[in-house]
Each structure stands twice: as C-alpha cells, then as structure tokens.
Amino acid sequence: MPVPANAAAPAAPKSPSGPLVLVVDDNPVIRQIQCRALEGAGFAVVEASGGARALQLLSRDQPALVLLDLMMGDMDGFKFLDQLRKRSDGANLPVIVLSAKPLSDLEREYVGARAQGFVRKTSSATDEVVALVRQLLAPPAA
C-alpha cells in the first residue's frame, strides 16, 4: 500500500553522538554487550572481531578510545597493543583492556605500560568499563 505524500516520515533511530569507541573482541556476544552498554551511555561505537581488523579501522574511523580483548585468534591483544603504539594515529590513543585471562606479573607490566585501564571480564565488568570510558574521555576541567 503506498504511503501518502503528506505522511510523516518514520523517526530515524537515535544514534549516540558522543566520542567514538572501537570495541575489539572475537566473541560476538561480548562485543554486542559492550557495544549496547556504551551506546546506552551515549558513546558511538564501531566493532572489530579481531586485532587485524581493528588496525584497519583506526585510520578510517579515528576512535577516541579502544576497548580491547586480550585473547583473540587472529592477533592477540598484546600484539595489537604493540602494533598500535608504533602508529602515529595510535601512539597516544587511550586503551582499556578487557580480559578473563589472569595476567602474570610480566603481562600486567606490559599492559600497564601500554593501556590506560584493565578490567577483568566478570558479570559486573560492563558497568566498570562504561565508568572507565567516561573517566578517560571526560573533558579536561577548566
């Protein structure tokens, strides 16, 4: 059935207009949970299913922050961090690592030197991630 010319157009879906967060995780369920939480908090999101794809998206999307899983198939988070920090567009980009992997002292030191936050994957991790993203992307106090 044709829509009358004077009919109101359907409302466009509301899209977050806040800073862009790149969510990198090979688990689509975890990615979806994190993306929904960040969008609900007003952040725009782009997702990558692995480190190699995330590196491709950096130049195109210019995210304000990366939320990064450590254990991924194509390129783990450690290698991603190493590659990211060698790039001009990634040298100073804030990163929050999100992982269920218990870190050794050496891994904790490695992540601590290259990321601005670490969150263990737990049932309450989403709230902690959103709070940390807000903290890291808050405008500087005047």
N, C-alpha and C. Protein backbone atom coordinates (compact mmCIF):
# COMPACT_ATOMS: atom_id res chain seq x y z
N MET A 1 0.84 -1.18 0.00
CA MET A 1 0.00 0.00 0.00
C MET A 1 0.89 1.24 0.00
N PRO A 2 0.68 2.19 -0.90
CA PRO A 2 1.52 3.38 -0.97
C PRO A 2 1.32 4.27 0.25
N VAL A 3 2.39 4.95 0.61
CA VAL A 3 2.35 5.88 1.73
C VAL A 3 1.99 7.25 1.18
N PRO A 4 0.98 7.93 1.76
CA PRO A 4 0.61 9.26 1.28
C PRO A 4 1.80 10.22 1.32
N ALA A 5 1.87 11.12 0.38
CA ALA A 5 2.97 12.07 0.29
C ALA A 5 3.08 12.96 1.52
N ASN A 6 1.94 13.23 2.18
CA ASN A 6 1.99 14.12 3.34
C ASN A 6 2.15 13.36 4.65
N ALA A 7 2.37 12.03 4.59
CA ALA A 7 2.55 11.24 5.81
C ALA A 7 3.90 11.58 6.44
N ALA A 8 3.90 11.57 7.76
CA ALA A 8 5.15 11.85 8.47
C ALA A 8 6.13 10.70 8.25
N ALA A 9 7.36 11.06 8.02
CA ALA A 9 8.39 10.04 7.84
C ALA A 9 8.66 9.38 9.19
N PRO A 10 8.97 8.09 9.19
CA PRO A 10 9.28 7.44 10.46
C PRO A 10 10.51 8.09 11.08
N ALA A 11 10.50 8.15 12.40
CA ALA A 11 11.63 8.76 13.11
C ALA A 11 12.88 7.94 12.87
N ALA A 12 13.95 8.64 12.62
CA ALA A 12 15.23 7.95 12.44
C ALA A 12 15.66 7.39 13.78
N PRO A 13 16.31 6.23 13.77
CA PRO A 13 16.78 5.70 15.04
C PRO A 13 17.75 6.67 15.68
N LYS A 14 17.67 6.77 16.98
CA LYS A 14 18.55 7.69 17.71
C LYS A 14 19.94 7.06 17.79
N SER A 15 20.91 7.75 17.26
CA SER A 15 22.27 7.22 17.33
C SER A 15 23.09 8.09 18.27
N PRO A 16 23.92 7.43 19.09
CA PRO A 16 24.75 8.19 20.02
C PRO A 16 25.67 9.13 19.27
N SER A 17 25.88 10.29 19.84
CA SER A 17 26.73 11.27 19.18
C SER A 17 27.98 11.58 19.99
N GLY A 18 28.22 10.79 21.02
CA GLY A 18 29.40 11.01 21.86
C GLY A 18 30.66 10.52 21.17
N PRO A 19 31.78 10.55 21.89
CA PRO A 19 33.05 10.08 21.34
C PRO A 19 32.94 8.64 20.83
N LEU A 20 33.73 8.33 19.82
CA LEU A 20 33.71 7.01 19.19
C LEU A 20 34.64 6.04 19.92
N VAL A 21 34.10 4.88 20.28
CA VAL A 21 34.86 3.82 20.94
C VAL A 21 34.95 2.63 19.98
N LEU A 22 36.16 2.13 19.77
CA LEU A 22 36.39 0.94 18.97
C LEU A 22 36.41 -0.26 19.91
N VAL A 23 35.45 -1.17 19.75
CA VAL A 23 35.33 -2.36 20.59
C VAL A 23 35.92 -3.54 19.81
N VAL A 24 36.98 -4.14 20.37
CA VAL A 24 37.71 -5.21 19.70
C VAL A 24 37.62 -6.48 20.53
N ASP A 25 36.87 -7.46 20.03
CA ASP A 25 36.71 -8.74 20.73
C ASP A 25 36.27 -9.77 19.71
N ASP A 26 36.84 -10.96 19.76
CA ASP A 26 36.46 -12.00 18.81
C ASP A 26 35.17 -12.72 19.21
N ASN A 27 34.66 -12.45 20.40
CA ASN A 27 33.42 -13.06 20.85
C ASN A 27 32.27 -12.10 20.52
N PRO A 28 31.39 -12.49 19.57
CA PRO A 28 30.32 -11.56 19.16
C PRO A 28 29.34 -11.22 20.29
N VAL A 29 29.12 -12.12 21.22
CA VAL A 29 28.20 -11.86 22.33
C VAL A 29 28.79 -10.78 23.24
N ILE A 30 30.06 -10.91 23.58
CA ILE A 30 30.72 -9.91 24.43
C ILE A 30 30.76 -8.56 23.72
N ARG A 31 31.08 -8.59 22.42
CA ARG A 31 31.10 -7.34 21.64
C ARG A 31 29.74 -6.66 21.69
N GLN A 32 28.69 -7.43 21.49
CA GLN A 32 27.34 -6.86 21.49
C GLN A 32 26.98 -6.28 22.85
N ILE A 33 27.31 -6.97 23.91
CA ILE A 33 27.02 -6.48 25.27
C ILE A 33 27.75 -5.16 25.52
N GLN A 34 29.03 -5.11 25.18
CA GLN A 34 29.81 -3.89 25.40
C GLN A 34 29.31 -2.75 24.51
N CYS A 35 29.01 -3.04 23.26
CA CYS A 35 28.51 -2.00 22.35
C CYS A 35 27.20 -1.42 22.85
N ARG A 36 26.27 -2.26 23.25
CA ARG A 36 24.98 -1.78 23.74
C ARG A 36 25.15 -0.92 24.99
N ALA A 37 26.02 -1.34 25.90
CA ALA A 37 26.24 -0.57 27.12
C ALA A 37 26.84 0.80 26.80
N LEU A 38 27.81 0.82 25.91
CA LEU A 38 28.46 2.09 25.55
C LEU A 38 27.49 3.01 24.80
N GLU A 39 26.71 2.43 23.88
CA GLU A 39 25.72 3.24 23.16
C GLU A 39 24.67 3.78 24.13
N GLY A 40 24.27 2.96 25.10
CA GLY A 40 23.31 3.39 26.11
C GLY A 40 23.85 4.53 26.96
N ALA A 41 25.17 4.60 27.08
CA ALA A 41 25.81 5.67 27.84
C ALA A 41 26.11 6.89 26.97
N GLY A 42 25.71 6.84 25.68
CA GLY A 42 25.88 8.00 24.81
C GLY A 42 27.10 7.98 23.92
N PHE A 43 27.84 6.89 23.91
CA PHE A 43 29.03 6.80 23.06
C PHE A 43 28.67 6.18 21.72
N ALA A 44 29.34 6.63 20.67
CA ALA A 44 29.24 5.97 19.38
C ALA A 44 30.23 4.81 19.39
N VAL A 45 29.91 3.74 18.70
CA VAL A 45 30.80 2.58 18.70
C VAL A 45 31.01 2.05 17.30
N VAL A 46 32.16 1.44 17.11
CA VAL A 46 32.47 0.67 15.92
C VAL A 46 33.11 -0.60 16.45
N GLU A 47 32.84 -1.74 15.80
CA GLU A 47 33.34 -3.00 16.31
C GLU A 47 34.28 -3.67 15.34
N ALA A 48 35.20 -4.44 15.93
CA ALA A 48 36.11 -5.26 15.14
C ALA A 48 36.19 -6.63 15.82
N SER A 49 36.19 -7.68 15.00
CA SER A 49 36.22 -9.03 15.53
C SER A 49 37.63 -9.54 15.80
N GLY A 50 38.62 -8.71 15.57
CA GLY A 50 39.99 -9.11 15.82
C GLY A 50 40.94 -7.93 15.70
N GLY A 51 42.17 -8.17 16.10
CA GLY A 51 43.17 -7.11 16.10
C GLY A 51 43.53 -6.60 14.72
N ALA A 52 43.64 -7.49 13.74
CA ALA A 52 44.00 -7.06 12.39
C ALA A 52 42.93 -6.13 11.82
N ARG A 53 41.67 -6.50 11.99
CA ARG A 53 40.58 -5.65 11.51
C ARG A 53 40.56 -4.31 12.24
N ALA A 54 40.82 -4.34 13.54
CA ALA A 54 40.83 -3.10 14.32
C ALA A 54 41.91 -2.15 13.82
N LEU A 55 43.07 -2.67 13.48
CA LEU A 55 44.13 -1.82 12.95
C LEU A 55 43.72 -1.19 11.62
N GLN A 56 42.96 -1.94 10.80
CA GLN A 56 42.47 -1.38 9.54
C GLN A 56 41.47 -0.25 9.79
N LEU A 57 40.64 -0.40 10.83
CA LEU A 57 39.60 0.59 11.10
C LEU A 57 40.13 1.88 11.73
N LEU A 58 41.30 1.84 12.32
CA LEU A 58 41.83 3.01 13.04
C LEU A 58 41.89 4.26 12.17
N SER A 59 42.47 4.14 11.00
CA SER A 59 42.61 5.32 10.13
C SER A 59 41.27 5.82 9.63
N ARG A 60 40.39 4.90 9.28
CA ARG A 60 39.09 5.28 8.73
C ARG A 60 38.20 5.93 9.78
N ASP A 61 38.14 5.33 10.97
CA ASP A 61 37.16 5.76 11.96
C ASP A 61 37.70 6.71 13.04
N GLN A 62 38.99 6.73 13.24
CA GLN A 62 39.62 7.62 14.22
C GLN A 62 38.90 7.61 15.57
N PRO A 63 38.88 6.45 16.24
CA PRO A 63 38.20 6.38 17.54
C PRO A 63 38.91 7.21 18.60
N ALA A 64 38.15 7.57 19.63
CA ALA A 64 38.71 8.31 20.76
C ALA A 64 39.31 7.37 21.80
N LEU A 65 38.92 6.09 21.73
CA LEU A 65 39.37 5.10 22.71
C LEU A 65 39.16 3.71 22.13
N VAL A 66 39.98 2.75 22.56
CA VAL A 66 39.84 1.35 22.15
C VAL A 66 39.55 0.51 23.38
N LEU A 67 38.52 -0.34 23.28
CA LEU A 67 38.22 -1.35 24.29
C LEU A 67 38.68 -2.67 23.70
N LEU A 68 39.67 -3.32 24.32
CA LEU A 68 40.42 -4.40 23.70
C LEU A 68 40.41 -5.68 24.52
N ASP A 69 39.99 -6.78 23.89
CA ASP A 69 40.14 -8.11 24.48
C ASP A 69 41.58 -8.56 24.26
N LEU A 70 42.12 -9.32 25.20
CA LEU A 70 43.50 -9.81 25.04
C LEU A 70 43.59 -11.09 24.23
N MET A 71 42.67 -12.01 24.46
CA MET A 71 42.78 -13.34 23.85
C MET A 71 41.88 -13.43 22.63
N MET A 72 42.50 -13.26 21.46
CA MET A 72 41.77 -13.35 20.20
C MET A 72 42.57 -14.23 19.25
N GLY A 73 41.88 -14.80 18.27
CA GLY A 73 42.51 -15.75 17.37
C GLY A 73 43.49 -15.18 16.37
N ASP A 74 43.08 -14.13 15.64
CA ASP A 74 43.92 -13.65 14.54
C ASP A 74 45.14 -12.87 15.02
N MET A 75 44.96 -12.07 16.01
CA MET A 75 46.05 -11.26 16.58
C MET A 75 45.65 -10.98 18.01
N ASP A 76 46.44 -11.45 18.96
CA ASP A 76 46.03 -11.23 20.35
C ASP A 76 46.21 -9.77 20.75
N GLY A 77 45.65 -9.41 21.88
CA GLY A 77 45.69 -8.03 22.34
C GLY A 77 47.09 -7.51 22.61
N PHE A 78 47.99 -8.40 23.01
CA PHE A 78 49.37 -7.97 23.25
C PHE A 78 50.01 -7.50 21.95
N LYS A 79 49.84 -8.27 20.89
CA LYS A 79 50.40 -7.89 19.59
C LYS A 79 49.71 -6.64 19.06
N PHE A 80 48.38 -6.55 19.25
CA PHE A 80 47.65 -5.35 18.83
C PHE A 80 48.22 -4.11 19.51
N LEU A 81 48.43 -4.18 20.83
CA LEU A 81 48.98 -3.03 21.57
C LEU A 81 50.35 -2.64 21.03
N ASP A 82 51.16 -3.64 20.74
CA ASP A 82 52.50 -3.37 20.20
C ASP A 82 52.39 -2.65 18.86
N GLN A 83 51.53 -3.16 17.96
CA GLN A 83 51.34 -2.54 16.65
C GLN A 83 50.73 -1.14 16.77
N LEU A 84 49.74 -1.01 17.65
CA LEU A 84 49.06 0.27 17.84
C LEU A 84 50.03 1.36 18.27
N ARG A 85 50.87 1.06 19.23
CA ARG A 85 51.78 2.07 19.79
C ARG A 85 52.88 2.47 18.82
N LYS A 86 53.08 1.71 17.74
CA LYS A 86 54.07 2.06 16.71
C LYS A 86 53.49 3.00 15.66
N ARG A 87 52.17 3.18 15.67
CA ARG A 87 51.49 4.00 14.66
C ARG A 87 51.33 5.43 15.16
N SER A 88 51.41 6.37 14.23
CA SER A 88 51.22 7.78 14.61
C SER A 88 49.80 8.02 15.10
N ASP A 89 48.81 7.31 14.52
CA ASP A 89 47.42 7.51 14.93
C ASP A 89 47.04 6.66 16.15
N GLY A 90 47.99 5.91 16.69
CA GLY A 90 47.69 5.06 17.84
C GLY A 90 48.63 5.21 19.00
N ALA A 91 49.68 6.00 18.83
CA ALA A 91 50.70 6.13 19.87
C ALA A 91 50.12 6.63 21.19
N ASN A 92 49.17 7.55 21.13
CA ASN A 92 48.61 8.14 22.35
C ASN A 92 47.13 7.84 22.54
N LEU A 93 46.59 6.91 21.77
CA LEU A 93 45.18 6.56 21.84
C LEU A 93 44.89 5.79 23.13
N PRO A 94 43.94 6.25 23.95
CA PRO A 94 43.63 5.51 25.18
C PRO A 94 43.09 4.11 24.88
N VAL A 95 43.53 3.14 25.67
CA VAL A 95 43.10 1.75 25.52
C VAL A 95 42.69 1.21 26.88
N ILE A 96 41.56 0.52 26.90
CA ILE A 96 41.14 -0.24 28.08
C ILE A 96 41.17 -1.70 27.67
N VAL A 97 41.90 -2.50 28.41
CA VAL A 97 41.98 -3.93 28.14
C VAL A 97 40.90 -4.62 28.98
N LEU A 98 40.16 -5.49 28.33
CA LEU A 98 39.10 -6.26 28.97
C LEU A 98 39.40 -7.72 28.74
N SER A 99 39.65 -8.49 29.82
CA SER A 99 40.03 -9.88 29.61
C SER A 99 39.67 -10.75 30.80
N ALA A 100 39.36 -12.01 30.50
CA ALA A 100 39.13 -13.01 31.55
C ALA A 100 40.45 -13.69 31.92
N LYS A 101 41.46 -13.48 31.13
CA LYS A 101 42.76 -14.14 31.34
C LYS A 101 43.44 -13.58 32.59
N PRO A 102 43.80 -14.47 33.51
CA PRO A 102 44.62 -14.00 34.64
C PRO A 102 46.00 -13.61 34.11
N LEU A 103 46.46 -12.43 34.45
CA LEU A 103 47.73 -11.94 33.93
C LEU A 103 48.88 -12.27 34.87
N SER A 104 49.99 -12.67 34.26
CA SER A 104 51.22 -12.85 35.03
C SER A 104 51.75 -11.46 35.39
N ASP A 105 52.73 -11.39 36.25
CA ASP A 105 53.32 -10.10 36.61
C ASP A 105 53.90 -9.42 35.37
N LEU A 106 54.55 -10.19 34.52
CA LEU A 106 55.15 -9.63 33.30
C LEU A 106 54.07 -9.11 32.36
N GLU A 107 52.98 -9.86 32.18
CA GLU A 107 51.88 -9.41 31.33
C GLU A 107 51.21 -8.17 31.91
N ARG A 108 51.03 -8.13 33.22
CA ARG A 108 50.42 -6.97 33.88
C ARG A 108 51.29 -5.73 33.65
N GLU A 109 52.60 -5.90 33.74
CA GLU A 109 53.52 -4.78 33.50
C GLU A 109 53.44 -4.32 32.04
N TYR A 110 53.38 -5.27 31.11
CA TYR A 110 53.28 -4.96 29.68
C TYR A 110 52.00 -4.17 29.39
N VAL A 111 50.87 -4.67 29.89
CA VAL A 111 49.59 -3.99 29.67
C VAL A 111 49.60 -2.63 30.35
N GLY A 112 50.11 -2.56 31.57
CA GLY A 112 50.14 -1.30 32.31
C GLY A 112 50.93 -0.21 31.61
N ALA A 113 51.95 -0.60 30.86
CA ALA A 113 52.78 0.38 30.15
C ALA A 113 52.15 0.83 28.84
N ARG A 114 51.14 0.10 28.35
CA ARG A 114 50.58 0.39 27.03
C ARG A 114 49.09 0.72 27.04
N ALA A 115 48.43 0.51 28.17
CA ALA A 115 46.98 0.76 28.24
C ALA A 115 46.68 1.63 29.46
N GLN A 116 45.54 2.31 29.40
CA GLN A 116 45.15 3.21 30.47
C GLN A 116 44.24 2.53 31.49
N GLY A 117 43.83 1.30 31.22
CA GLY A 117 42.98 0.59 32.16
C GLY A 117 42.92 -0.88 31.86
N PHE A 118 42.62 -1.67 32.89
CA PHE A 118 42.44 -3.11 32.75
C PHE A 118 41.20 -3.49 33.54
N VAL A 119 40.29 -4.21 32.90
CA VAL A 119 39.06 -4.66 33.56
C VAL A 119 38.95 -6.17 33.35
N ARG A 120 38.74 -6.90 34.44
CA ARG A 120 38.52 -8.35 34.33
C ARG A 120 37.10 -8.60 33.84
N LYS A 121 36.95 -9.56 32.94
CA LYS A 121 35.63 -9.94 32.44
C LYS A 121 34.88 -10.66 33.56
N THR A 122 33.89 -9.99 34.09
CA THR A 122 33.02 -10.55 35.11
C THR A 122 31.60 -10.10 34.79
N SER A 123 30.66 -10.53 35.62
CA SER A 123 29.27 -10.13 35.38
C SER A 123 29.06 -8.63 35.56
N SER A 124 29.92 -7.96 36.33
CA SER A 124 29.77 -6.52 36.54
C SER A 124 30.76 -5.69 35.72
N ALA A 125 31.47 -6.34 34.81
CA ALA A 125 32.51 -5.64 34.05
C ALA A 125 31.95 -4.52 33.18
N THR A 126 30.75 -4.69 32.65
CA THR A 126 30.19 -3.69 31.74
C THR A 126 30.05 -2.34 32.42
N ASP A 127 29.54 -2.32 33.65
CA ASP A 127 29.41 -1.05 34.37
C ASP A 127 30.78 -0.43 34.63
N GLU A 128 31.74 -1.26 34.98
CA GLU A 128 33.10 -0.77 35.23
C GLU A 128 33.72 -0.20 33.95
N VAL A 129 33.48 -0.86 32.83
CA VAL A 129 34.01 -0.39 31.54
C VAL A 129 33.41 0.97 31.20
N VAL A 130 32.10 1.11 31.30
CA VAL A 130 31.44 2.38 30.98
C VAL A 130 31.97 3.50 31.87
N ALA A 131 32.13 3.22 33.16
CA ALA A 131 32.65 4.24 34.09
C ALA A 131 34.08 4.65 33.72
N LEU A 132 34.90 3.67 33.35
CA LEU A 132 36.28 3.97 32.98
C LEU A 132 36.36 4.73 31.66
N VAL A 133 35.52 4.37 30.70
CA VAL A 133 35.47 5.10 29.43
C VAL A 133 35.06 6.55 29.69
N ARG A 134 34.04 6.75 30.51
CA ARG A 134 33.61 8.12 30.84
C ARG A 134 34.76 8.91 31.48
N GLN A 135 35.46 8.26 32.40
CA GLN A 135 36.57 8.92 33.09
C GLN A 135 37.68 9.31 32.11
N LEU A 136 38.05 8.39 31.23
CA LEU A 136 39.15 8.65 30.30
C LEU A 136 38.80 9.66 29.20
N LEU A 137 37.50 9.73 28.85
CA LEU A 137 37.10 10.64 27.78
C LEU A 137 36.42 11.90 28.27
N ALA A 138 36.41 12.10 29.59
CA ALA A 138 35.82 13.31 30.15
C ALA A 138 36.62 14.53 29.70
N PRO A 139 35.93 15.62 29.39
CA PRO A 139 36.67 16.83 29.01
C PRO A 139 37.50 17.31 30.18
N PRO A 140 38.66 17.87 29.90
CA PRO A 140 39.52 18.36 30.99
C PRO A 140 38.82 19.48 31.77
N ALA A 141 39.05 19.47 33.06
CA ALA A 141 38.45 20.50 33.92
C ALA A 141 39.06 21.87 33.59
N ALA A 142 38.23 22.87 33.58
CA ALA A 142 38.70 24.23 33.24
C ALA A 142 39.39 24.87 34.40
